[in-house]
Protein backbone atom coordinates (compact mmCIF):
# COMPACT_ATOMS: atom_id res chain seq x y z
CA MET A 1 -0.02 0.07 -0.01
CA ASP A 2 2.02 2.91 -1.27
CA PHE A 3 0.35 6.44 -1.08
CA THR A 4 3.24 8.33 -2.39
CA GLY A 5 1.93 11.57 -3.91
CA LYS A 6 -1.45 11.17 -2.32
CA THR A 7 -3.11 13.68 -0.06
CA VAL A 8 -5.32 12.53 2.79
CA LEU A 9 -7.77 14.43 4.95
CA VAL A 10 -8.51 12.67 8.32
CA THR A 11 -11.13 13.87 10.63
CA GLY A 12 -10.66 13.32 14.32
CA GLY A 13 -6.96 12.73 13.61
CA SER A 14 -5.41 13.98 16.70
CA ARG A 15 -5.63 10.85 18.80
CA GLY A 16 -6.64 7.22 19.15
CA ILE A 17 -7.72 5.66 15.85
CA GLY A 18 -7.36 8.68 13.90
CA ARG A 19 -3.86 9.32 15.01
CA ALA A 20 -2.98 5.81 13.89
CA ILE A 21 -4.69 6.43 10.67
CA ALA A 22 -2.78 9.62 9.85
CA ARG A 23 0.52 8.06 10.83
CA GLY A 24 -0.14 4.93 8.71
CA PHE A 25 -0.82 7.16 5.56
CA ALA A 26 2.23 9.26 6.33
CA ALA A 27 4.53 6.17 6.67
CA ARG A 28 3.40 5.09 3.26
CA GLY A 29 4.19 8.38 1.55
CA ALA A 30 1.00 10.39 1.89
CA ARG A 31 0.69 14.06 2.83
CA VAL A 32 -1.93 14.23 5.56
CA ALA A 33 -4.33 17.03 6.75
CA VAL A 34 -5.14 16.22 10.48
CA ASN A 35 -8.52 17.62 11.48
CA TYR A 36 -9.14 18.15 15.22
CA ARG A 37 -11.96 19.56 17.14
CA ALA A 38 -10.34 21.34 20.16
CA ASP A 39 -6.94 19.74 21.19
CA ARG A 40 -4.48 21.53 19.16
CA GLU A 41 -1.61 20.38 21.15
CA ALA A 42 -2.52 16.71 20.46
CA ALA A 43 -2.81 17.38 16.68
CA GLU A 44 0.68 19.01 16.67
CA ARG A 45 2.17 15.97 18.50
CA THR A 46 0.54 13.77 15.91
CA ILE A 47 2.09 15.55 13.00
CA ALA A 48 5.34 15.91 14.80
CA ALA A 49 5.75 12.13 14.87
CA MET A 50 4.79 11.69 11.31
CA PRO A 51 7.36 11.18 8.63
CA GLY A 52 7.36 12.84 5.47
CA GLY A 53 5.26 15.79 4.72
CA PRO A 54 4.49 18.52 4.87
CA HIS A 55 1.42 17.67 7.07
CA ILE A 56 -1.10 20.15 8.44
CA ALA A 57 -3.41 20.40 11.33
CA ILE A 58 -6.89 22.10 10.79
CA GLN A 59 -9.36 22.69 13.52
CA GLY A 60 -12.99 22.27 13.00
CA ASP A 61 -15.85 20.45 14.69
CA VAL A 62 -17.51 18.12 12.17
CA ALA A 63 -20.93 18.80 13.88
CA ASP A 64 -20.74 22.38 12.46
CA PRO A 65 -21.55 22.48 8.58
CA ALA A 66 -19.61 25.77 8.43
CA ALA A 67 -16.58 24.39 10.05
CA VAL A 68 -16.73 21.35 7.65
CA ALA A 69 -16.70 23.71 4.70
CA ARG A 70 -13.83 25.66 6.25
CA VAL A 71 -11.72 22.49 6.99
CA PHE A 72 -12.12 21.41 3.38
CA GLU A 73 -11.33 24.78 2.09
CA ILE A 74 -8.08 24.88 4.12
CA ALA A 75 -7.03 21.36 3.02
CA THR A 76 -7.60 21.98 -0.66
CA GLU A 77 -5.75 25.38 -0.40
CA ALA A 78 -2.81 23.51 1.11
CA PHE A 79 -2.77 20.46 -1.11
CA SER A 80 -4.78 21.65 -4.04
CA ARG A 81 -6.18 18.07 -4.53
CA ILE A 82 -7.33 15.64 -1.91
CA HIS A 83 -7.21 12.03 -3.02
CA ILE A 84 -8.50 10.21 0.09
CA VAL A 85 -10.93 11.37 2.95
CA VAL A 86 -11.45 9.34 6.19
CA ASN A 87 -14.23 10.16 8.33
CA ASN A 88 -13.14 9.16 11.72
CA ALA A 89 -14.33 11.76 14.10
CA GLY A 90 -17.25 10.70 16.45
CA ILE A 91 -18.65 10.76 20.09
CA TYR A 92 -20.33 8.47 22.35
CA GLU A 93 -22.89 9.55 25.01
CA TYR A 94 -24.57 7.42 27.66
CA HIS A 95 -28.32 8.09 27.59
CA ARG A 96 -30.09 4.94 29.15
CA VAL A 97 -33.59 5.34 28.24
CA GLU A 98 -34.91 4.54 31.81
CA GLU A 99 -32.56 6.91 33.44
CA VAL A 100 -32.56 10.23 31.48
CA ASP A 101 -35.38 12.93 31.17
CA PHE A 102 -36.91 13.77 27.80
CA GLU A 103 -34.76 16.77 27.45
CA ALA A 104 -31.50 15.02 27.99
CA TRP A 105 -32.63 12.28 25.67
CA GLN A 106 -33.28 14.70 22.78
CA GLY A 107 -30.10 16.52 23.47
CA ALA A 108 -28.06 13.23 23.26
CA TRP A 109 -29.63 12.26 20.06
CA ARG A 110 -28.92 15.82 18.45
CA ARG A 111 -25.34 15.75 19.43
CA VAL A 112 -24.52 12.31 18.61
CA LEU A 113 -26.32 12.34 15.12
CA ASP A 114 -24.77 15.74 14.30
CA THR A 115 -21.31 14.46 14.97
CA ASN A 116 -21.46 10.89 13.86
CA LEU A 117 -23.72 11.03 10.78
CA VAL A 118 -24.76 14.43 9.49
CA GLY A 119 -21.11 15.77 10.01
CA PRO A 120 -19.59 12.95 8.06
CA ALA A 121 -22.42 13.26 5.43
CA ASN A 122 -21.36 16.79 4.91
CA VAL A 123 -17.70 15.85 4.62
CA CYS A 124 -18.75 13.03 2.12
CA TYR A 125 -20.54 15.70 0.09
CA LEU A 126 -17.73 18.22 -0.19
CA ALA A 127 -15.19 15.39 -0.90
CA ALA A 128 -17.45 13.78 -3.59
CA ARG A 129 -17.95 17.19 -5.36
CA HIS A 130 -14.15 17.80 -5.15
CA MET A 131 -13.28 14.25 -6.41
CA ILE A 132 -15.77 14.29 -9.20
CA GLU A 133 -14.02 17.50 -10.50
CA ASN A 134 -10.61 15.81 -10.17
CA GLY A 135 -11.16 12.35 -11.77
CA GLY A 136 -12.05 10.30 -8.65
CA GLY A 137 -10.61 9.37 -5.13
CA ARG A 138 -11.56 7.27 -2.06
CA ILE A 139 -13.72 7.95 0.97
CA VAL A 140 -13.34 5.58 4.06
CA ASN A 141 -15.91 5.93 6.97
CA VAL A 142 -15.17 4.72 10.42
CA SER A 143 -18.29 2.95 11.92
CA SER A 144 -18.59 0.53 14.70
CA ARG A 145 -19.63 -2.97 15.68
CA GLY A 146 -22.39 -1.17 17.64
CA ALA A 147 -24.17 -0.52 14.27
CA PHE A 148 -25.11 -4.30 14.26
CA ARG A 149 -24.81 -5.42 17.90
CA GLY A 150 -26.69 -2.59 19.38
CA GLU A 151 -25.71 0.03 21.96
CA PRO A 152 -28.34 -0.27 24.74
CA GLU A 153 -26.57 2.49 26.93
CA GLY A 154 -26.02 4.71 23.92
CA PRO A 155 -28.61 4.05 21.28
CA ALA A 156 -27.96 7.20 19.41
CA TYR A 157 -24.42 5.79 18.88
CA GLY A 158 -25.70 2.62 17.37
CA ALA A 159 -28.23 4.48 15.23
CA SER A 160 -25.63 6.91 14.06
CA LYS A 161 -23.17 4.24 12.90
CA ALA A 162 -25.87 2.09 11.37
CA GLY A 163 -26.86 5.32 9.29
CA LEU A 164 -23.12 5.72 8.36
CA ASN A 165 -23.05 2.36 6.91
CA ALA A 166 -26.18 2.77 4.85
CA MET A 167 -25.13 6.31 3.60
CA SER A 168 -21.75 4.87 2.64
CA GLN A 169 -23.24 2.13 0.68
CA SER A 170 -25.67 4.43 -1.04
CA LEU A 171 -22.78 6.77 -2.04
CA ALA A 172 -20.59 3.71 -3.10
CA GLN A 173 -23.28 3.18 -5.69
CA ARG A 174 -23.92 6.65 -6.79
CA LEU A 175 -20.14 7.61 -7.00
CA ALA A 176 -18.70 4.43 -8.72
CA PRO A 177 -19.29 5.87 -12.12
CA HIS A 178 -17.04 8.88 -11.15
CA LYS A 179 -14.31 6.65 -9.98
CA ILE A 180 -14.90 7.46 -6.35
CA PHE A 181 -14.86 4.26 -4.14
CA VAL A 182 -16.37 4.30 -0.69
CA GLY A 183 -15.72 1.77 2.09
CA VAL A 184 -16.33 1.37 5.72
CA VAL A 185 -14.38 0.01 8.59
CA ALA A 186 -16.26 -1.16 11.66
CA PRO A 187 -14.26 -1.71 14.80
CA GLY A 188 -15.23 -3.23 18.11
CA TRP A 189 -13.47 -2.03 21.10
CA VAL A 190 -10.08 -0.47 20.59
CA GLU A 191 -7.18 0.18 22.85
CA THR A 192 -7.38 4.03 22.97
CA ASP A 193 -7.01 6.51 25.76
CA LEU A 194 -10.67 7.05 25.83
CA ALA A 195 -11.58 3.21 25.97
CA ALA A 196 -9.02 2.80 28.81
CA ARG A 197 -11.54 4.37 31.28
CA VAL A 198 -13.49 1.14 30.85
CA LEU A 199 -10.85 -1.32 29.70
CA ASP A 200 -8.89 -0.61 32.93
CA THR A 201 -11.65 -1.40 35.14
CA PRO A 202 -12.97 -4.96 36.27
CA GLN A 203 -15.39 -4.87 33.14
CA GLY A 204 -12.22 -4.89 30.82
CA ASP A 205 -11.74 -8.53 31.29
CA ALA A 206 -15.20 -9.26 30.26
CA ILE A 207 -14.76 -6.98 27.30
CA ARG A 208 -11.78 -8.65 26.22
CA ALA A 209 -13.16 -12.01 26.59
CA GLN A 210 -15.74 -11.21 24.07
CA SER A 211 -13.12 -12.02 21.36
CA PRO A 212 -11.56 -15.51 21.13
CA LEU A 213 -8.18 -13.50 20.90
CA ASN A 214 -8.93 -12.36 24.42
CA ARG A 215 -8.07 -8.83 23.70
CA VAL A 216 -9.40 -5.62 21.93
CA ALA A 217 -7.88 -4.06 18.63
CA THR A 218 -5.03 -1.96 18.49
CA PRO A 219 -5.44 1.53 16.70
CA GLN A 220 -2.86 0.35 14.15
CA GLU A 221 -5.00 -2.70 13.42
CA VAL A 222 -8.05 -0.50 12.60
CA ALA A 223 -5.81 1.99 10.68
CA TYR A 224 -4.55 -0.97 8.55
CA ALA A 225 -8.09 -1.97 7.35
CA VAL A 226 -8.67 1.81 6.52
CA LEU A 227 -5.58 2.01 4.44
CA PHE A 228 -6.47 -1.15 2.63
CA LEU A 229 -9.86 0.18 1.57
CA ALA A 230 -8.09 3.37 0.39
CA SER A 231 -5.52 1.52 -1.64
CA ASP A 232 -5.14 1.15 -5.30
CA GLY A 233 -6.44 -2.33 -5.98
CA ALA A 234 -9.21 -2.31 -3.50
CA GLU A 235 -11.77 -0.67 -5.96
CA PHE A 236 -13.98 -3.67 -6.06
CA ALA A 237 -14.56 -3.63 -2.37
CA THR A 238 -16.53 -0.35 -2.82
CA GLY A 239 -19.69 -0.59 -0.60
CA ALA A 240 -18.09 -3.02 1.75
CA VAL A 241 -18.28 -2.81 5.55
CA LEU A 242 -15.09 -4.42 7.04
CA ASP A 243 -15.51 -5.87 10.51
CA VAL A 244 -12.33 -5.40 12.77
CA ASN A 245 -13.71 -6.78 15.95
CA GLY A 246 -11.54 -9.94 16.57
CA ALA A 247 -14.71 -12.18 15.98
CA SER A 248 -16.34 -10.80 19.07
CA TYR A 249 -19.46 -10.09 16.98
CA LEU A 250 -20.05 -12.21 13.74
CA ARG A 251 -22.75 -11.48 11.22
CA THR A 252 -23.76 -13.23 7.95
């Protein structure tokens, strides 16, 4: 998987899975625009650890359509052409139906859907229009096992990721004639700083035991799947949802 000469935009690229994705592309020759919501220091540390370049960090909340447009404008001004876009930014909020009031319930749904589904849809729109004008490209969206398995403590999250899968497959069909290929990576639990708050508790052993490998994924393993779908030669996998969950949840 050689991305020499390619330029990549990764949303939510300052930490965790997004950081591993950005580093993976950079290590294989790409120039990378790392989008982050608020933690500029983390974004700068990510870029500092990436080989090659030049790479750039761009602030913007994907839940804000104006910010999405600004991020894409800055990225295209810096690199002229964007060959690959990865929608990785996302949030999870607990909103157990029997515990929260109606106002909190509505707020959680708005915030999660705006960040996890509407935001990526806006990124996909801008990416698609840019790629149509420039002869094609790749879009990879990061979904979740929760789209299939369910998220009883955060149903908006599960719904947002199921919607992301459906949107990605719709766009794969629509954009294929324009040589734009769309894929999805759906991880289970991943060893990130945010997940450590759960994985480092007694509950962590039960989560790891969900997989016959008795562990969770590393960010690098998820990144590798993203890079595969973005690579030359993976075109006929357009529309695929690639599970990276260590056989912790199997579907047919």
